[in-house]
Amino acid sequence: MTSLVNGLLAGELADPGRGREIAFDSWKNVVERTILRFRFDCERPQAFRGTVHRRSLAGVDFVGMTSERHGAYRTAETITSDDAGCYVMTLQLSGEFRMSQHERTAVLRPGSFALYDSSVPTVLVSSDDYRSVCIKFAKDWLGPRGAEPFSELTATAFDAEDGLPSIVWTMVLGLGRSLHTLGAEGPLAVRNLMDLVTAMLRAELGRRGPPATERREALLRRVREYIDARLPDPALSPTGIAAAHYISPRLLHQLFEGSGWTVGAWIRARRVELCRRDLADPLQAGVPVAAIGLRHGFKGASHFGEVFKREVGRTPAEFRREALARFPG
């Protein structure tokens, strides 16, 4: 066990077992009242025992927990507007804990911690001998855009042993033990803690390179360049494009939805644009209309004519006549 965890276990809040152990149904109810609503399952509900201990100040909850093996699932059905605006940051003291969110999974062992977002579906699975300390706080503590970009950090295991994380968790435990004695200075102490939490999370973001939005925009640019280079291929498809970029078709469609296009609509629009250019070029006046369509990936004259008229409002031949009429004979 790490030196940090050894030190934390000596603290009052870090020893959730100091509370009365309760059975599974009672424990579930307490968790839902003190942290968030979940759907639970347990292999041995009759044998289950656990504890939950919470102290709160200035809108931040300090929670210690123990339990036996169980699963907790935060789904669309359990997420409500009342409890969707916070983060939970949890430090593992014993046992193993798996946290899944945003298509990532963190495996926490003693001395590691992770963050999850209450507004996003989450899967939490604990081993026997589970013991943890967590803080639950509103996203606003992290600034006016508290939900972003910290979603990049959820369900990611971090080491609490060194540097700023060690300071943060030592302060969490110290405040948790002393909240009832702080008096008028308590809210200021909590604000100072949350300033440290924000600094710690921002430092971690800084080590991760460009924000997610920049990475997505860069990926979208590469995908569009790839599409342009392969427009002549009538077999060009979202599945092949996704595979070429080592991403799922689902992510590919999400990239384009953010730009206001579907993948198929973007491909059609680019093909039509290139055909319009060639049809309006006097130097290509002798090239058959159907050949221009085939050149840019349309499957045949009929397909080309149908798509072009739907997008432009005129047939390819009509568009060519009007475009070339603007040039002197």
Protein backbone atom coordinates (compact mmCIF):
# COMPACT_ATOMS: atom_id res chain seq x y z
CA MET A 1 0.00 0.00 0.00
CA THR A 2 1.35 3.48 -0.86
CA SER A 3 2.58 5.91 1.77
CA LEU A 4 -0.14 8.39 0.83
CA VAL A 5 -2.88 5.82 1.29
CA ASN A 6 -1.37 4.70 4.59
CA GLY A 7 -1.48 8.27 5.77
CA LEU A 8 -5.03 8.83 4.56
CA LEU A 9 -6.32 5.67 6.20
CA ALA A 10 -5.20 7.09 9.53
CA GLY A 11 -7.62 10.00 9.10
CA GLU A 12 -11.17 10.08 10.42
CA LEU A 13 -12.95 10.67 7.09
CA ALA A 14 -10.65 8.27 5.29
CA ASP A 15 -11.89 5.48 7.50
CA PRO A 16 -15.50 5.14 6.34
CA GLY A 17 -15.70 1.90 8.27
CA ARG A 18 -16.07 3.95 11.42
CA GLY A 19 -19.78 4.19 10.51
CA ARG A 20 -22.32 1.44 11.05
CA GLU A 21 -22.30 -1.24 8.36
CA ILE A 22 -25.62 -1.59 6.57
CA ALA A 23 -27.18 -4.13 4.19
CA PHE A 24 -27.33 -3.76 0.41
CA ASP A 25 -30.78 -2.17 0.04
CA SER A 26 -30.09 0.38 2.77
CA TRP A 27 -26.63 1.10 1.38
CA LYS A 28 -28.08 1.75 -2.10
CA ASN A 29 -30.57 4.21 -0.67
CA VAL A 30 -27.87 6.09 1.23
CA VAL A 31 -25.64 6.29 -1.86
CA GLU A 32 -28.50 7.72 -3.91
CA ARG A 33 -29.23 10.33 -1.23
CA THR A 34 -25.62 11.34 -0.63
CA ILE A 35 -23.98 11.00 -4.07
CA LEU A 36 -26.06 10.23 -7.20
CA ARG A 37 -28.83 7.98 -8.48
CA PHE A 38 -27.66 4.65 -9.93
CA ARG A 39 -29.05 1.28 -10.91
CA PHE A 40 -27.22 -1.33 -8.83
CA ASP A 41 -26.52 -5.03 -8.98
CA CYS A 42 -24.76 -7.38 -6.58
CA GLU A 43 -23.84 -11.06 -6.80
CA ARG A 44 -24.38 -11.66 -3.06
CA PRO A 45 -26.93 -9.10 -1.85
CA GLN A 46 -27.76 -11.06 1.30
CA ALA A 47 -24.12 -11.06 2.41
CA PHE A 48 -23.37 -7.47 1.34
CA ARG A 49 -22.30 -4.92 3.93
CA GLY A 50 -21.14 -1.36 3.38
CA THR A 51 -20.81 2.10 4.87
CA VAL A 52 -21.27 5.66 3.62
CA HIS A 53 -20.16 8.76 5.53
CA ARG A 54 -20.68 12.31 4.20
CA ARG A 55 -19.81 15.81 5.34
CA SER A 56 -20.68 18.91 3.30
CA LEU A 57 -19.68 22.55 3.20
CA ALA A 58 -20.00 25.36 0.66
CA GLY A 59 -21.65 23.05 -1.86
CA VAL A 60 -18.85 20.44 -1.80
CA ASP A 61 -19.56 16.96 -0.43
CA PHE A 62 -16.79 14.93 1.24
CA VAL A 63 -17.75 11.25 1.17
CA GLY A 64 -16.09 8.10 2.51
CA MET A 65 -17.36 4.67 1.45
CA THR A 66 -16.75 0.97 1.92
CA SER A 67 -18.52 -1.91 0.21
CA GLU A 68 -18.28 -5.41 -1.14
CA ARG A 69 -18.36 -6.36 -4.81
CA HIS A 70 -21.13 -4.60 -6.76
CA GLY A 71 -21.92 -2.71 -9.94
CA ALA A 72 -23.47 0.77 -10.25
CA TYR A 73 -24.88 2.02 -13.56
CA ARG A 74 -25.78 5.60 -14.27
CA THR A 75 -28.00 5.50 -17.36
CA ALA A 76 -30.18 7.97 -19.20
CA GLU A 77 -33.08 6.79 -17.04
CA THR A 78 -31.28 7.63 -13.79
CA ILE A 79 -29.81 11.00 -14.86
CA THR A 80 -32.02 13.97 -14.04
CA SER A 81 -31.60 17.72 -14.45
CA ASP A 82 -31.27 17.99 -10.67
CA ASP A 83 -28.08 15.93 -10.46
CA ALA A 84 -26.48 16.37 -13.91
CA GLY A 85 -24.35 19.41 -13.11
CA CYS A 86 -21.50 18.00 -11.06
CA TYR A 87 -18.29 16.00 -11.07
CA VAL A 88 -17.29 13.26 -8.65
CA MET A 89 -13.56 12.77 -8.02
CA THR A 90 -12.73 9.56 -6.17
CA LEU A 91 -9.53 8.24 -4.57
CA GLN A 92 -9.11 4.48 -4.15
CA LEU A 93 -7.89 3.35 -0.73
CA SER A 94 -8.30 -0.43 -1.02
CA GLY A 95 -9.68 -2.99 -3.46
CA GLU A 96 -10.11 -2.38 -7.17
CA PHE A 97 -12.57 -0.05 -8.92
CA ARG A 98 -13.43 0.16 -12.62
CA MET A 99 -14.91 3.36 -13.98
CA SER A 100 -16.21 3.62 -17.58
CA GLN A 101 -17.37 6.82 -19.25
CA HIS A 102 -16.92 8.52 -22.64
CA GLU A 103 -15.85 5.16 -24.13
CA ARG A 104 -12.90 4.98 -21.69
CA THR A 105 -12.30 2.70 -18.71
CA ALA A 106 -10.07 3.50 -15.74
CA VAL A 107 -8.91 0.77 -13.35
CA LEU A 108 -8.27 2.27 -9.93
CA ARG A 109 -6.10 0.62 -7.29
CA PRO A 110 -4.92 2.04 -3.96
CA GLY A 111 -3.24 5.39 -4.49
CA SER A 112 -4.96 6.26 -7.78
CA PHE A 113 -7.94 8.51 -8.47
CA ALA A 114 -10.31 9.41 -11.28
CA LEU A 115 -13.08 11.84 -12.23
CA TYR A 116 -16.55 11.23 -13.65
CA ASP A 117 -19.29 13.51 -14.96
CA SER A 118 -22.77 13.15 -13.46
CA SER A 119 -24.45 14.14 -16.75
CA VAL A 120 -22.96 11.26 -18.78
CA PRO A 121 -23.81 7.52 -18.61
CA THR A 122 -21.33 5.81 -16.32
CA VAL A 123 -20.48 2.27 -15.25
CA LEU A 124 -18.80 1.69 -11.88
CA VAL A 125 -17.73 -1.78 -10.73
CA SER A 126 -16.01 -2.46 -7.41
CA SER A 127 -14.22 -5.50 -6.01
CA ASP A 128 -14.60 -6.80 -2.48
CA ASP A 129 -12.82 -4.77 0.20
CA TYR A 130 -13.68 -1.57 -1.67
CA ARG A 131 -12.78 1.59 0.24
CA SER A 132 -12.65 5.10 -1.18
CA VAL A 133 -12.89 8.80 -0.47
CA CYS A 134 -14.49 11.18 -2.94
CA ILE A 135 -15.56 14.77 -3.34
CA LYS A 136 -18.65 15.77 -5.28
CA PHE A 137 -18.76 19.35 -6.57
CA ALA A 138 -20.64 21.52 -9.07
CA LYS A 139 -19.00 22.01 -12.45
CA ASP A 140 -19.15 25.76 -11.86
CA TRP A 141 -16.26 25.38 -9.41
CA LEU A 142 -14.03 24.79 -12.45
CA GLY A 143 -15.06 28.03 -14.15
CA PRO A 144 -17.86 29.31 -16.38
CA ARG A 145 -17.23 26.48 -18.87
CA GLY A 146 -16.88 23.86 -16.18
CA ALA A 147 -18.21 21.01 -18.33
CA GLU A 148 -15.53 21.51 -20.97
CA PRO A 149 -12.78 20.69 -21.62
CA PHE A 150 -12.55 18.53 -18.48
CA SER A 151 -14.63 15.81 -20.12
CA GLU A 152 -11.30 14.80 -21.67
CA LEU A 153 -10.14 13.68 -18.22
CA THR A 154 -13.06 11.53 -17.11
CA ALA A 155 -12.59 7.78 -16.53
CA THR A 156 -8.80 8.19 -16.56
CA ALA A 157 -6.64 6.88 -13.72
CA PHE A 158 -4.21 9.36 -12.15
CA ASP A 159 -1.51 8.81 -9.55
CA ALA A 160 -2.27 10.60 -6.27
CA GLU A 161 1.13 9.91 -4.75
CA ASP A 162 3.23 12.83 -5.97
CA GLY A 163 3.09 16.51 -6.81
CA LEU A 164 -0.11 18.52 -6.76
CA PRO A 165 -2.44 15.48 -6.56
CA SER A 166 -0.80 14.47 -3.29
CA ILE A 167 -1.34 17.98 -1.90
CA VAL A 168 -4.96 18.02 -3.09
CA TRP A 169 -5.90 14.69 -1.54
CA THR A 170 -4.10 15.45 1.71
CA MET A 171 -6.13 18.67 1.88
CA VAL A 172 -9.36 16.81 1.03
CA LEU A 173 -8.82 14.48 3.95
CA GLY A 174 -7.74 17.25 6.31
CA LEU A 175 -10.78 19.36 5.49
CA GLY A 176 -13.10 16.39 5.65
CA ARG A 177 -11.96 15.62 9.18
CA SER A 178 -12.18 19.23 10.33
CA LEU A 179 -15.24 20.72 8.62
CA HIS A 180 -17.22 20.83 11.86
CA THR A 181 -14.47 22.84 13.60
CA LEU A 182 -13.68 25.44 10.91
CA GLY A 183 -16.48 27.85 11.71
CA ALA A 184 -16.62 30.99 9.57
CA GLU A 185 -13.33 30.08 7.86
CA GLY A 186 -14.76 26.85 6.42
CA PRO A 187 -16.14 28.23 3.12
CA LEU A 188 -12.83 29.98 2.39
CA ALA A 189 -10.93 26.75 3.04
CA VAL A 190 -13.22 24.89 0.63
CA ARG A 191 -12.72 27.57 -2.03
CA ASN A 192 -8.96 27.23 -1.64
CA LEU A 193 -9.26 23.47 -2.04
CA MET A 194 -11.31 23.84 -5.21
CA ASP A 195 -8.75 26.31 -6.61
CA LEU A 196 -6.15 23.58 -6.14
CA VAL A 197 -8.41 20.96 -7.73
CA THR A 198 -8.95 23.24 -10.73
CA ALA A 199 -5.21 23.89 -11.05
CA MET A 200 -4.49 20.16 -10.86
CA LEU A 201 -7.01 19.30 -13.58
CA ARG A 202 -5.87 22.14 -15.84
CA ALA A 203 -2.26 21.00 -15.47
CA GLU A 204 -3.27 17.52 -16.56
CA LEU A 205 -5.09 18.95 -19.59
CA GLY A 206 -1.96 20.88 -20.49
CA ARG A 207 0.03 17.64 -20.61
CA ARG A 208 -2.48 16.14 -23.04
CA GLY A 209 -1.78 18.48 -25.95
CA PRO A 210 -4.41 20.38 -27.97
CA PRO A 211 -8.01 20.47 -26.74
CA ALA A 212 -10.39 17.84 -28.06
CA THR A 213 -12.09 20.35 -30.37
CA GLU A 214 -8.79 21.11 -32.11
CA ARG A 215 -8.01 17.41 -32.52
CA ARG A 216 -11.46 16.75 -33.97
CA GLU A 217 -11.11 19.65 -36.41
CA ALA A 218 -7.70 18.39 -37.51
CA LEU A 219 -9.10 14.89 -38.02
CA LEU A 220 -12.03 16.26 -40.01
CA ARG A 221 -9.61 18.16 -42.27
CA ARG A 222 -7.61 14.99 -42.92
CA VAL A 223 -10.79 13.03 -43.68
CA ARG A 224 -11.98 15.68 -46.16
CA GLU A 225 -8.60 15.68 -47.89
CA TYR A 226 -8.79 11.89 -48.11
CA ILE A 227 -12.29 12.09 -49.63
CA ASP A 228 -11.22 14.70 -52.22
CA ALA A 229 -8.32 12.51 -53.32
CA ARG A 230 -10.69 9.55 -53.87
CA LEU A 231 -13.81 11.14 -55.30
CA PRO A 232 -13.29 9.37 -58.67
CA ASP A 233 -13.83 6.03 -56.92
CA PRO A 234 -17.56 5.18 -57.02
CA ALA A 235 -17.00 2.67 -54.19
CA LEU A 236 -15.92 5.41 -51.77
CA SER A 237 -17.95 4.80 -48.59
CA PRO A 238 -18.13 5.86 -44.92
CA THR A 239 -16.99 2.39 -43.84
CA GLY A 240 -13.84 2.55 -45.95
CA ILE A 241 -13.12 6.15 -44.94
CA ALA A 242 -13.41 5.27 -41.25
CA ALA A 243 -11.18 2.22 -41.61
CA ALA A 244 -8.51 4.27 -43.40
CA HIS A 245 -8.36 6.63 -40.43
CA TYR A 246 -8.55 3.92 -37.72
CA ILE A 247 -11.80 5.28 -36.30
CA SER A 248 -15.28 3.81 -36.01
CA PRO A 249 -18.00 4.68 -38.56
CA ARG A 250 -19.93 6.12 -35.63
CA LEU A 251 -17.15 8.59 -34.83
CA LEU A 252 -16.84 9.50 -38.51
CA HIS A 253 -20.54 10.38 -38.66
CA GLN A 254 -20.22 12.40 -35.42
CA LEU A 255 -17.36 14.41 -36.93
CA PHE A 256 -19.50 15.42 -39.89
CA GLU A 257 -22.64 16.07 -37.84
CA GLY A 258 -20.69 18.74 -35.98
CA SER A 259 -20.04 20.49 -39.31
CA GLY A 260 -23.67 20.37 -40.40
CA TRP A 261 -23.17 17.62 -43.02
CA THR A 262 -23.59 13.88 -43.27
CA VAL A 263 -20.70 11.95 -44.81
CA GLY A 264 -22.76 10.98 -47.86
CA ALA A 265 -24.01 14.53 -48.39
CA TRP A 266 -20.47 15.88 -48.24
CA ILE A 267 -19.24 13.39 -50.84
CA ARG A 268 -22.15 14.22 -53.17
CA ALA A 269 -21.65 17.96 -52.73
CA ARG A 270 -17.95 17.72 -53.58
CA ARG A 271 -18.62 15.59 -56.65
CA VAL A 272 -21.31 17.97 -57.89
CA GLU A 273 -19.03 20.95 -57.28
CA LEU A 274 -16.24 19.43 -59.38
CA CYS A 275 -18.71 18.49 -62.12
CA ARG A 276 -20.06 22.04 -62.19
CA ARG A 277 -16.50 23.32 -62.63
CA ASP A 278 -15.79 20.99 -65.55
CA LEU A 279 -19.16 21.54 -67.23
CA ALA A 280 -18.60 25.31 -67.15
CA ASP A 281 -15.08 25.05 -68.61
CA PRO A 282 -14.99 25.99 -72.32
CA LEU A 283 -11.85 23.90 -72.77
CA GLN A 284 -13.88 20.79 -71.86
CA ALA A 285 -16.91 21.60 -74.02
CA GLY A 286 -16.20 18.56 -76.16
CA VAL A 287 -16.12 16.10 -73.24
CA PRO A 288 -19.41 14.20 -72.98
CA VAL A 289 -21.56 15.02 -69.97
CA ALA A 290 -21.64 11.39 -68.87
CA ALA A 291 -17.82 11.18 -68.98
CA ILE A 292 -17.54 14.13 -66.60
CA GLY A 293 -19.90 12.42 -64.18
CA LEU A 294 -17.93 9.17 -64.34
CA ARG A 295 -14.68 11.10 -63.87
CA HIS A 296 -15.84 12.31 -60.47
CA GLY A 297 -17.27 9.08 -59.12
CA PHE A 298 -20.89 8.94 -60.29
CA LYS A 299 -21.90 5.40 -61.20
CA GLY A 300 -23.45 6.19 -64.57
CA ALA A 301 -25.18 8.83 -66.68
CA SER A 302 -28.58 8.25 -65.08
CA HIS A 303 -27.22 8.46 -61.54
CA PHE A 304 -25.22 11.57 -62.41
CA GLY A 305 -28.19 13.31 -64.00
CA GLU A 306 -30.53 12.51 -61.12
CA VAL A 307 -28.17 13.72 -58.37
CA PHE A 308 -27.01 16.79 -60.29
CA LYS A 309 -30.55 18.00 -61.04
CA ARG A 310 -31.60 17.47 -57.44
CA GLU A 311 -28.65 19.49 -56.14
CA VAL A 312 -28.42 22.21 -58.81
CA GLY A 313 -31.98 22.43 -60.13
CA ARG A 314 -30.99 21.80 -63.75
CA THR A 315 -29.74 18.81 -65.70
CA PRO A 316 -26.00 18.66 -66.43
CA ALA A 317 -26.67 19.46 -70.11
CA GLU A 318 -28.85 22.47 -69.22
CA PHE A 319 -26.27 23.75 -66.76
CA ARG A 320 -23.50 23.41 -69.38
CA ARG A 321 -25.47 25.30 -72.05
CA GLU A 322 -26.20 28.17 -69.68
CA ALA A 323 -22.63 28.32 -68.39
CA LEU A 324 -20.98 28.22 -71.82
CA ALA A 325 -23.43 30.80 -73.22
CA ARG A 326 -21.70 33.43 -71.11
CA PHE A 327 -18.51 32.98 -73.13
CA PRO A 328 -18.22 34.69 -76.54
CA GLY A 329 -18.40 32.26 -79.44
